[in-house]
């Protein structure tokens, strides 16, 4: 039997200049998770900080895939960005729910819903940044 029975397909599109939509198709597991990790790292390298991770065509995800989602989320948060999971299949949603990842990483049913969340989060981050700047100026 071949080691890669269920290859992963990853497509990156830009619904807006500031947002990368990463559409994943196939099994997201120990054999394929590094491919998704490479795509995320490449987009970060090119300056993108806001990601929509469409998992609507992922019938199975193990802990390797979950770890990539979590690491991507943490990395984008460190750079004042965001990562949102879009339309996870029932099996993937179950993994996200059972592990508590869905409590941390925002999940939306549609790209449009996720884009609205991106805007809301971006506004909150901008307000926090302005408050920090005002606090620093007030201390000087």
Protein backbone atom coordinates (compact mmCIF):
# COMPACT_ATOMS: atom_id res chain seq x y z
CA UNK A 1 0.00 0.00 0.00
CA UNK A 2 1.15 3.50 -0.78
CA UNK A 3 1.96 5.84 2.13
CA UNK A 4 -0.01 8.70 0.55
CA UNK A 5 -3.44 7.30 -0.24
CA UNK A 6 -5.26 10.55 0.39
CA UNK A 7 -3.20 13.45 -0.94
CA UNK A 8 -3.90 16.92 0.36
CA UNK A 9 -4.83 19.77 -1.95
CA UNK A 10 -4.24 23.31 -0.73
CA UNK A 11 -5.32 26.36 -2.71
CA UNK A 12 -4.64 29.95 -1.67
CA UNK A 13 -6.80 32.81 -2.94
CA UNK A 14 -7.17 36.42 -1.85
CA UNK A 15 -10.80 37.45 -1.27
CA UNK A 16 -9.36 40.80 -0.12
CA UNK A 17 -5.85 42.25 -0.17
CA UNK A 18 -5.46 41.74 3.56
CA UNK A 19 -6.96 38.24 3.79
CA UNK A 20 -5.74 34.88 2.46
CA UNK A 21 -8.35 32.15 1.99
CA UNK A 22 -6.65 28.77 2.30
CA UNK A 23 -8.90 26.02 0.97
CA UNK A 24 -7.91 22.52 2.07
CA UNK A 25 -9.17 19.34 0.48
CA UNK A 26 -8.36 15.83 1.65
CA UNK A 27 -7.20 14.14 4.81
CA UNK A 28 -5.34 16.47 7.16
CA UNK A 29 -3.16 14.08 9.11
CA UNK A 30 0.42 13.24 10.04
CA UNK A 31 1.27 12.50 6.40
CA UNK A 32 -0.15 15.75 4.98
CA UNK A 33 -0.13 18.39 7.74
CA UNK A 34 3.32 19.73 6.82
CA UNK A 35 1.98 20.75 3.40
CA UNK A 36 -0.60 23.00 5.06
CA UNK A 37 2.09 24.30 7.42
CA UNK A 38 4.27 25.26 4.42
CA UNK A 39 1.41 27.19 2.81
CA UNK A 40 0.70 29.10 6.04
CA UNK A 41 4.40 29.88 6.54
CA UNK A 42 4.70 31.07 2.94
CA UNK A 43 1.76 33.45 3.34
CA UNK A 44 3.19 34.78 6.62
CA UNK A 45 6.55 35.25 4.90
CA UNK A 46 4.81 37.36 2.26
CA UNK A 47 3.33 39.62 4.93
CA UNK A 48 -0.19 38.27 5.19
CA UNK A 49 -1.58 38.20 8.71
CA UNK A 50 -5.26 37.33 8.30
CA UNK A 51 -6.28 33.83 7.27
CA UNK A 52 -9.48 31.98 6.55
CA UNK A 53 -8.91 28.23 6.67
CA UNK A 54 -11.67 26.52 4.67
CA UNK A 55 -11.96 22.93 5.91
CA UNK A 56 -15.26 22.11 4.17
CA UNK A 57 -13.58 19.40 2.06
CA UNK A 58 -11.58 17.76 4.88
CA UNK A 59 -13.28 14.48 5.86
CA UNK A 60 -10.67 13.65 8.53
CA UNK A 61 -8.23 15.58 10.70
CA UNK A 62 -5.95 14.11 13.35
CA UNK A 63 -3.88 15.82 16.05
CA UNK A 64 -1.21 16.79 13.50
CA UNK A 65 -3.73 18.87 11.57
CA UNK A 66 -5.14 20.30 14.77
CA UNK A 67 -1.64 21.35 15.85
CA UNK A 68 -1.09 23.18 12.55
CA UNK A 69 -4.36 25.07 13.08
CA UNK A 70 -3.35 25.99 16.63
CA UNK A 71 0.19 27.03 15.68
CA UNK A 72 -1.15 29.12 12.82
CA UNK A 73 -3.60 30.79 15.18
CA UNK A 74 -0.89 31.53 17.74
CA UNK A 75 1.52 32.88 15.13
CA UNK A 76 -1.05 35.22 13.61
CA UNK A 77 -2.07 36.50 17.05
CA UNK A 78 1.58 37.35 17.82
CA UNK A 79 1.66 39.49 14.68
CA UNK A 80 -1.69 41.23 15.31
CA UNK A 81 -3.39 39.00 12.75
CA UNK A 82 -6.04 36.31 12.90
CA UNK A 83 -6.91 32.81 11.75
CA UNK A 84 -10.49 31.62 11.34
CA UNK A 85 -11.71 28.12 10.51
CA UNK A 86 -14.45 28.11 7.88
CA UNK A 87 -17.10 25.40 7.37
CA UNK A 88 -15.44 22.45 9.09
CA UNK A 89 -16.97 19.08 8.25
CA UNK A 90 -18.77 17.33 11.13
CA UNK A 91 -15.76 15.04 11.77
CA UNK A 92 -13.35 17.99 11.88
CA UNK A 93 -15.71 20.06 14.05
CA UNK A 94 -15.88 17.12 16.47
CA UNK A 95 -12.07 17.07 16.80
CA UNK A 96 -12.00 20.85 17.29
CA UNK A 97 -14.78 20.66 19.91
CA UNK A 98 -13.40 17.64 21.81
CA UNK A 99 -9.95 19.21 22.10
CA UNK A 100 -11.23 22.66 23.01
CA UNK A 101 -9.64 24.25 19.94
CA UNK A 102 -13.04 25.59 18.87
CA UNK A 103 -13.13 27.63 22.09
CA UNK A 104 -9.93 29.43 21.04
CA UNK A 105 -9.95 29.53 17.25
CA UNK A 106 -12.96 31.33 15.73
CA UNK A 107 -15.14 29.11 13.53
CA UNK A 108 -17.60 30.32 10.89
CA UNK A 109 -19.97 28.56 8.54
CA UNK A 110 -19.25 30.78 5.53
CA UNK A 111 -16.42 32.88 4.13
CA UNK A 112 -18.63 35.98 4.38
CA UNK A 113 -19.26 35.33 8.08
CA UNK A 114 -15.53 34.84 8.67
CA UNK A 115 -14.68 38.07 6.81
CA UNK A 116 -17.09 39.95 9.09
CA UNK A 117 -15.31 38.44 12.12
CA UNK A 118 -11.95 39.48 10.65
CA UNK A 119 -13.21 43.08 10.41
CA UNK A 120 -14.52 43.03 13.98
CA UNK A 121 -11.27 41.61 15.35
CA UNK A 122 -9.20 44.08 13.33
CA UNK A 123 -11.21 46.99 14.79
CA UNK A 124 -10.72 45.64 18.34
CA UNK A 125 -6.97 45.24 17.79
CA UNK A 126 -6.74 48.80 16.44
CA UNK A 127 -8.62 50.18 19.48
CA UNK A 128 -6.30 48.27 21.83
CA UNK A 129 -3.24 49.60 20.00
CA UNK A 130 -4.54 53.18 20.23
CA UNK A 131 -5.28 52.78 23.94
CA UNK A 132 -1.77 51.46 24.53
CA UNK A 133 -0.28 54.41 22.64
CA UNK A 134 -2.38 56.85 24.67
CA UNK A 135 -1.29 55.13 27.86
CA UNK A 136 2.37 55.41 26.88
CA UNK A 137 1.94 59.10 25.99
CA UNK A 138 0.12 59.71 29.25
CA UNK A 139 3.00 58.16 31.21
CA UNK A 140 5.64 60.33 29.51
